[in-house]
């Protein structure tokens, strides 16, 4: 398994190229996720406002299967869930600003995903990645988003965050 790099700063998120160029939706999806879906409790655990196992917003289980003997993410006992596929049931629940450039075609408008591991009632880890083709993911375009970066993004308004990312 390739080592998944962790992003700790806005500049590193911008440098990695996740969610760009247009019509990709990843940065808008990430902003929605950290602003409206995730919150920190008193123990600094990442909690959800809506249970991802209920499959709202297009959440669904992510199978961390081997692709050429390589798994995208660490092989752990915790379940993974994915969001960001705009053609999934209930993805229409995502805000319009996330979905607005989706063409419904096989193009870059539905490339970006967020994958989370769930430990009890909180998220263990948050990843961003790029979906390629029908069932593959870009191993070199997959990053872990640190708690510190999530907290940085939460300080921004959507327009401030997107502007800081060059959108």
Protein backbone atom coordinates (compact mmCIF):
# COMPACT_ATOMS: atom_id res chain seq x y z
CA UNK A 1 0.00 0.00 0.00
CA UNK A 2 1.36 3.43 -0.85
CA UNK A 3 1.76 5.71 2.10
CA UNK A 4 -1.18 8.12 2.33
CA UNK A 5 0.14 11.62 2.91
CA UNK A 6 -1.49 13.82 5.54
CA UNK A 7 -2.39 17.41 4.73
CA UNK A 8 -2.07 19.82 7.67
CA UNK A 9 -2.23 23.24 6.01
CA UNK A 10 -4.35 25.06 3.44
CA UNK A 11 -1.27 25.57 1.29
CA UNK A 12 -0.69 21.79 1.15
CA UNK A 13 -4.33 21.20 0.21
CA UNK A 14 -3.99 23.73 -2.59
CA UNK A 15 -0.68 22.25 -3.76
CA UNK A 16 -2.06 18.70 -3.98
CA UNK A 17 -4.65 19.82 -6.56
CA UNK A 18 -7.63 18.09 -4.97
CA UNK A 19 -10.92 19.38 -6.34
CA UNK A 20 -9.43 21.32 -9.24
CA UNK A 21 -9.70 22.32 -12.01
CA UNK A 22 -13.31 23.20 -12.76
CA UNK A 23 -15.79 21.45 -13.09
CA UNK A 24 -14.53 19.32 -10.19
CA UNK A 25 -16.52 19.64 -6.98
CA UNK A 26 -14.10 18.37 -4.32
CA UNK A 27 -13.27 21.61 -2.54
CA UNK A 28 -16.95 22.54 -2.31
CA UNK A 29 -17.71 19.02 -1.03
CA UNK A 30 -14.92 19.25 1.53
CA UNK A 31 -16.13 22.64 2.73
CA UNK A 32 -19.69 21.33 3.14
CA UNK A 33 -18.40 18.27 4.99
CA UNK A 34 -16.29 20.17 7.54
CA UNK A 35 -18.79 23.04 7.94
CA UNK A 36 -22.16 21.29 7.99
CA UNK A 37 -21.53 17.59 8.60
CA UNK A 38 -18.61 17.29 11.03
CA UNK A 39 -18.19 18.81 14.47
CA UNK A 40 -15.72 18.36 17.31
CA UNK A 41 -16.88 17.26 20.74
CA UNK A 42 -15.33 18.25 24.09
CA UNK A 43 -12.77 15.44 23.75
CA UNK A 44 -11.62 16.71 20.32
CA UNK A 45 -13.27 13.74 18.59
CA UNK A 46 -14.69 14.28 15.12
CA UNK A 47 -18.42 13.62 15.37
CA UNK A 48 -21.13 13.66 12.75
CA UNK A 49 -24.29 15.68 12.76
CA UNK A 50 -26.01 13.03 10.61
CA UNK A 51 -25.15 9.34 10.84
CA UNK A 52 -23.39 8.30 7.59
CA UNK A 53 -24.71 4.74 7.92
CA UNK A 54 -28.19 6.12 7.15
CA UNK A 55 -26.85 6.90 3.64
CA UNK A 56 -28.14 10.46 3.49
CA UNK A 57 -26.28 12.85 1.18
CA UNK A 58 -25.16 9.83 -0.87
CA UNK A 59 -22.99 8.27 1.84
CA UNK A 60 -22.40 4.57 1.22
CA UNK A 61 -19.96 1.89 2.40
CA UNK A 62 -16.52 2.03 0.80
CA UNK A 63 -14.91 -1.31 0.06
CA UNK A 64 -11.18 -0.89 0.52
CA UNK A 65 -10.51 -3.72 -1.92
CA UNK A 66 -7.19 -4.50 -3.49
CA UNK A 67 -6.44 -3.05 -6.90
CA UNK A 68 -3.40 -4.90 -8.21
CA UNK A 69 -2.55 -6.14 -4.67
CA UNK A 70 -2.67 -2.57 -3.34
CA UNK A 71 -5.35 -1.12 -1.10
CA UNK A 72 -6.14 2.56 -1.34
CA UNK A 73 -6.38 3.09 2.42
CA UNK A 74 -4.92 1.38 5.50
CA UNK A 75 -6.35 -2.07 6.19
CA UNK A 76 -8.16 -1.51 9.49
CA UNK A 77 -11.11 -3.13 11.25
CA UNK A 78 -13.15 0.08 11.19
CA UNK A 79 -15.71 0.52 8.39
CA UNK A 80 -15.14 3.07 5.67
CA UNK A 81 -17.87 5.25 4.16
CA UNK A 82 -17.68 7.39 1.05
CA UNK A 83 -19.51 10.52 -0.07
CA UNK A 84 -19.25 12.68 -3.17
CA UNK A 85 -20.62 10.50 -5.95
CA UNK A 86 -23.28 12.84 -7.28
CA UNK A 87 -25.12 10.02 -9.04
CA UNK A 88 -25.76 8.05 -5.83
CA UNK A 89 -29.21 7.88 -4.23
CA UNK A 90 -29.78 10.80 -1.85
CA UNK A 91 -26.84 12.78 -3.27
CA UNK A 92 -29.51 15.35 -4.18
CA UNK A 93 -29.47 16.19 -0.45
CA UNK A 94 -26.05 17.80 -0.89
CA UNK A 95 -26.23 21.59 -1.22
CA UNK A 96 -26.75 23.04 -4.66
CA UNK A 97 -23.33 24.71 -4.56
CA UNK A 98 -21.73 21.22 -4.40
CA UNK A 99 -23.89 19.76 -7.20
CA UNK A 100 -24.30 22.73 -9.53
CA UNK A 101 -21.55 21.88 -12.07
CA UNK A 102 -22.43 18.17 -12.28
CA UNK A 103 -23.12 17.28 -15.91
CA UNK A 104 -24.26 13.67 -15.48
CA UNK A 105 -21.64 12.70 -18.07
CA UNK A 106 -18.41 10.73 -17.68
CA UNK A 107 -16.25 13.80 -17.12
CA UNK A 108 -14.46 15.48 -14.23
CA UNK A 109 -17.65 16.93 -12.71
CA UNK A 110 -18.09 13.81 -10.52
CA UNK A 111 -14.47 12.92 -9.73
CA UNK A 112 -13.94 13.85 -6.10
CA UNK A 113 -14.77 11.82 -3.01
CA UNK A 114 -14.42 11.99 0.75
CA UNK A 115 -13.85 8.71 2.57
CA UNK A 116 -14.15 8.41 6.33
CA UNK A 117 -13.44 5.64 8.79
CA UNK A 118 -15.97 5.31 11.57
CA UNK A 119 -15.11 4.36 15.15
CA UNK A 120 -18.24 4.10 17.26
CA UNK A 121 -19.99 7.47 17.21
CA UNK A 122 -17.20 9.46 15.61
CA UNK A 123 -14.93 9.66 12.60
CA UNK A 124 -11.51 8.15 13.07
CA UNK A 125 -9.97 9.58 9.89
CA UNK A 126 -10.98 11.71 6.92
CA UNK A 127 -9.55 11.22 3.43
CA UNK A 128 -10.02 12.95 0.09
CA UNK A 129 -9.48 11.12 -3.17
CA UNK A 130 -10.16 11.12 -6.90
CA UNK A 131 -12.36 8.54 -8.56
CA UNK A 132 -11.05 7.26 -11.88
CA UNK A 133 -13.12 5.43 -14.47
CA UNK A 134 -15.80 3.02 -13.30
CA UNK A 135 -14.21 1.64 -10.14
CA UNK A 136 -10.65 2.87 -9.60
CA UNK A 137 -9.20 5.56 -7.36
CA UNK A 138 -6.06 7.62 -7.78
CA UNK A 139 -3.60 6.29 -5.19
CA UNK A 140 -1.37 9.30 -5.74
CA UNK A 141 -4.33 11.69 -5.44
CA UNK A 142 -5.47 10.34 -2.05
CA UNK A 143 -4.73 12.32 1.11
CA UNK A 144 -5.63 12.23 4.75
CA UNK A 145 -7.06 15.51 6.06
CA UNK A 146 -5.75 16.25 9.55
CA UNK A 147 -7.90 17.48 12.41
CA UNK A 148 -5.90 20.70 12.42
CA UNK A 149 -6.67 21.34 8.73
CA UNK A 150 -10.35 20.60 9.33
CA UNK A 151 -10.38 23.19 12.12
CA UNK A 152 -8.64 25.72 9.87
CA UNK A 153 -11.26 25.22 7.14
CA UNK A 154 -14.06 25.57 9.72
CA UNK A 155 -12.89 29.11 10.47
CA UNK A 156 -13.63 30.24 6.91
CA UNK A 157 -16.85 31.11 5.20
CA UNK A 158 -17.43 29.14 2.01
CA UNK A 159 -16.48 32.06 -0.23
CA UNK A 160 -13.35 32.79 1.84
CA UNK A 161 -12.26 29.15 1.68
CA UNK A 162 -12.85 28.81 -2.06
CA UNK A 163 -11.06 32.11 -2.67
CA UNK A 164 -8.11 30.94 -0.57
CA UNK A 165 -8.01 27.78 -2.70
CA UNK A 166 -8.00 29.83 -5.91
CA UNK A 167 -11.60 29.05 -6.92
